[in-house]
Amino acid sequence: MLKITPNPTFTTEAELHIPGEDLPGKIKVTFRYLNTEQFKSWKEGLGDKPVSEALHEIIVSWSGIEDESGKSVEYSADGLKQLLISYQTADSDITNAYLRELFGARRKN
């Protein structure tokens, strides 16, 4: 059964490139669902906005990220900024995961 209005959030896996590692780091990210008009407005509003701000507008939470001592890092705007500073491709890796799930891109088996 298809709901006329999708759930307000969805969770998907994002694979982040880790320099020097053979396999990507996998995290779960819960995003806000944006309908066609909201997505268009979000996209048009990107302009000179920092990537961390733009992503913070659509990210609700994450899991699978730890600090140096192995403790889970709860999602926050500051945590997102630190992740984006630490990993060069994290912004595009997270954005691609969002777009792939939002637009239903087929995944390889």
C-alpha atoms as a PDB file:
ATOM      1  CA  MET A   1       0.000   0.000   0.000  1.00  0.00           C
ATOM      2  CA  LEU A   2       1.303   3.438  -0.929  1.00  0.00           C
ATOM      3  CA  LYS A   3       0.709   6.351   1.438  1.00  0.00           C
ATOM      4  CA  ILE A   4      -0.276   9.642  -0.200  1.00  0.00           C
ATOM      5  CA  THR A   5       2.290  11.345   2.056  1.00  0.00           C
ATOM      6  CA  PRO A   6       5.649   9.607   2.666  1.00  0.00           C
ATOM      7  CA  ASN A   7       7.155   9.239   6.126  1.00  0.00           C
ATOM      8  CA  PRO A   8       8.836  12.464   7.292  1.00  0.00           C
ATOM      9  CA  THR A   9      12.201  10.713   7.678  1.00  0.00           C
ATOM     10  CA  PHE A  10      14.082   7.775   6.210  1.00  0.00           C
ATOM     11  CA  THR A  11      17.276   5.987   7.147  1.00  0.00           C
ATOM     12  CA  THR A  12      19.904   4.750   4.744  1.00  0.00           C
ATOM     13  CA  GLU A  13      23.512   3.653   4.764  1.00  0.00           C
ATOM     14  CA  ALA A  14      26.247   6.024   3.658  1.00  0.00           C
ATOM     15  CA  GLU A  15      29.671   4.695   2.714  1.00  0.00           C
ATOM     16  CA  LEU A  16      32.470   7.112   3.526  1.00  0.00           C
ATOM     17  CA  HIS A  17      35.882   6.845   1.939  1.00  0.00           C
ATOM     18  CA  ILE A  18      38.636   6.293   4.503  1.00  0.00           C
ATOM     19  CA  PRO A  19      42.097   7.120   3.128  1.00  0.00           C
ATOM     20  CA  GLY A  20      44.408   4.111   3.243  1.00  0.00           C
ATOM     21  CA  GLU A  21      41.606   1.614   3.846  1.00  0.00           C
ATOM     22  CA  ASP A  22      40.388  -0.946   1.334  1.00  0.00           C
ATOM     23  CA  LEU A  23      36.780  -0.742   2.498  1.00  0.00           C
ATOM     24  CA  PRO A  24      34.641   2.332   3.156  1.00  0.00           C
ATOM     25  CA  GLY A  25      33.344   3.224   6.594  1.00  0.00           C
ATOM     26  CA  LYS A  26      29.618   2.529   6.756  1.00  0.00           C
ATOM     27  CA  ILE A  27      27.294   4.700   8.805  1.00  0.00           C
ATOM     28  CA  LYS A  28      23.514   4.918   9.082  1.00  0.00           C
ATOM     29  CA  VAL A  29      22.031   8.352   8.515  1.00  0.00           C
ATOM     30  CA  THR A  30      18.436   9.380   9.131  1.00  0.00           C
ATOM     31  CA  PHE A  31      17.390  12.143   6.767  1.00  0.00           C
ATOM     32  CA  ARG A  32      14.377  14.407   6.491  1.00  0.00           C
ATOM     33  CA  TYR A  33      12.171  13.577   3.527  1.00  0.00           C
ATOM     34  CA  LEU A  34      11.742  16.576   1.235  1.00  0.00           C
ATOM     35  CA  ASN A  35       8.900  16.567  -1.267  1.00  0.00           C
ATOM     36  CA  THR A  36       9.431  17.963  -4.759  1.00  0.00           C
ATOM     37  CA  GLU A  37       8.778  21.580  -3.781  1.00  0.00           C
ATOM     38  CA  GLN A  38      10.802  21.372  -0.553  1.00  0.00           C
ATOM     39  CA  PHE A  39      13.725  19.741  -2.365  1.00  0.00           C
ATOM     40  CA  LYS A  40      13.693  22.433  -5.047  1.00  0.00           C
ATOM     41  CA  SER A  41      13.677  25.147  -2.382  1.00  0.00           C
ATOM     42  CA  TRP A  42      16.496  23.425  -0.431  1.00  0.00           C
ATOM     43  CA  LYS A  43      18.565  23.051  -3.601  1.00  0.00           C
ATOM     44  CA  GLU A  44      17.999  26.681  -4.653  1.00  0.00           C
ATOM     45  CA  GLY A  45      18.931  27.852  -1.155  1.00  0.00           C
ATOM     46  CA  LEU A  46      22.348  26.210  -1.214  1.00  0.00           C
ATOM     47  CA  GLY A  47      24.143  29.157  -2.835  1.00  0.00           C
ATOM     48  CA  ASP A  48      27.122  30.171  -0.724  1.00  0.00           C
ATOM     49  CA  LYS A  49      25.834  28.297   2.320  1.00  0.00           C
ATOM     50  CA  PRO A  50      28.476  26.092   3.991  1.00  0.00           C
ATOM     51  CA  VAL A  51      28.034  22.403   3.164  1.00  0.00           C
ATOM     52  CA  SER A  52      27.728  21.575   6.854  1.00  0.00           C
ATOM     53  CA  GLU A  53      24.718  23.912   7.157  1.00  0.00           C
ATOM     54  CA  ALA A  54      23.049  22.486   4.065  1.00  0.00           C
ATOM     55  CA  LEU A  55      23.498  18.916   5.259  1.00  0.00           C
ATOM     56  CA  HIS A  56      22.402  19.801   8.792  1.00  0.00           C
ATOM     57  CA  GLU A  57      19.073  20.946   7.326  1.00  0.00           C
ATOM     58  CA  ILE A  58      18.343  17.415   6.078  1.00  0.00           C
ATOM     59  CA  ILE A  59      20.111  15.167   8.618  1.00  0.00           C
ATOM     60  CA  VAL A  60      18.153  14.107  11.695  1.00  0.00           C
ATOM     61  CA  SER A  61      20.550  11.591  13.257  1.00  0.00           C
ATOM     62  CA  TRP A  62      23.321   9.104  12.568  1.00  0.00           C
ATOM     63  CA  SER A  63      24.839   5.956  13.999  1.00  0.00           C
ATOM     64  CA  GLY A  64      28.118   4.161  13.455  1.00  0.00           C
ATOM     65  CA  ILE A  65      30.430   7.053  14.320  1.00  0.00           C
ATOM     66  CA  GLU A  66      32.758   6.812  17.303  1.00  0.00           C
ATOM     67  CA  ASP A  67      35.243   9.096  19.013  1.00  0.00           C
ATOM     68  CA  GLU A  68      38.886   8.201  19.668  1.00  0.00           C
ATOM     69  CA  SER A  69      37.946   6.160  22.755  1.00  0.00           C
ATOM     70  CA  GLY A  70      35.322   4.109  20.903  1.00  0.00           C
ATOM     71  CA  LYS A  71      32.318   5.933  22.370  1.00  0.00           C
ATOM     72  CA  SER A  72      29.377   6.581  20.027  1.00  0.00           C
ATOM     73  CA  VAL A  73      29.150  10.159  18.796  1.00  0.00           C
ATOM     74  CA  GLU A  74      25.602  11.495  18.810  1.00  0.00           C
ATOM     75  CA  TYR A  75      24.616  13.592  15.818  1.00  0.00           C
ATOM     76  CA  SER A  76      25.045  17.350  16.189  1.00  0.00           C
ATOM     77  CA  ALA A  77      25.906  20.283  13.934  1.00  0.00           C
ATOM     78  CA  ASP A  78      29.366  20.417  15.517  1.00  0.00           C
ATOM     79  CA  GLY A  79      29.869  16.681  15.056  1.00  0.00           C
ATOM     80  CA  LEU A  80      28.914  17.018  11.406  1.00  0.00           C
ATOM     81  CA  LYS A  81      31.391  19.862  10.916  1.00  0.00           C
ATOM     82  CA  GLN A  82      34.146  17.757  12.499  1.00  0.00           C
ATOM     83  CA  LEU A  83      33.308  14.767  10.280  1.00  0.00           C
ATOM     84  CA  LEU A  84      33.414  16.948   7.158  1.00  0.00           C
ATOM     85  CA  ILE A  85      36.771  18.409   8.215  1.00  0.00           C
ATOM     86  CA  SER A  86      38.208  14.972   9.021  1.00  0.00           C
ATOM     87  CA  TYR A  87      37.141  13.206   5.821  1.00  0.00           C
ATOM     88  CA  GLN A  88      37.598  15.037   2.527  1.00  0.00           C
ATOM     89  CA  THR A  89      34.813  13.215   0.656  1.00  0.00           C
ATOM     90  CA  ALA A  90      32.284  12.926   3.499  1.00  0.00           C
ATOM     91  CA  ASP A  91      30.117  15.754   2.137  1.00  0.00           C
ATOM     92  CA  SER A  92      29.673  14.128  -1.270  1.00  0.00           C
ATOM     93  CA  ASP A  93      29.432  10.611   0.216  1.00  0.00           C
ATOM     94  CA  ILE A  94      26.578  11.676   2.520  1.00  0.00           C
ATOM     95  CA  THR A  95      24.867  13.791  -0.146  1.00  0.00           C
ATOM     96  CA  ASN A  96      25.031  10.914  -2.646  1.00  0.00           C
ATOM     97  CA  ALA A  97      23.477   8.528  -0.105  1.00  0.00           C
ATOM     98  CA  TYR A  98      20.640  11.016   0.438  1.00  0.00           C
ATOM     99  CA  LEU A  99      19.982  11.557  -3.251  1.00  0.00           C
ATOM    100  CA  ARG A 100      20.236   7.840  -4.046  1.00  0.00           C
ATOM    101  CA  GLU A 101      17.570   7.029  -1.468  1.00  0.00           C
ATOM    102  CA  LEU A 102      15.367  10.075  -2.135  1.00  0.00           C
ATOM    103  CA  PHE A 103      15.230   9.435  -5.870  1.00  0.00           C
ATOM    104  CA  GLY A 104      15.217   5.631  -5.627  1.00  0.00           C
ATOM    105  CA  ALA A 105      18.368   4.965  -7.620  1.00  0.00           C
ATOM    106  CA  ARG A 106      18.828   1.265  -8.183  1.00  0.00           C
ATOM    107  CA  ARG A 107      21.560  -0.387  -6.160  1.00  0.00           C
ATOM    108  CA  LYS A 108      23.904  -3.018  -7.509  1.00  0.00           C
ATOM    109  CA  ASN A 109      23.332  -6.507  -6.104  1.00  0.00           C
END
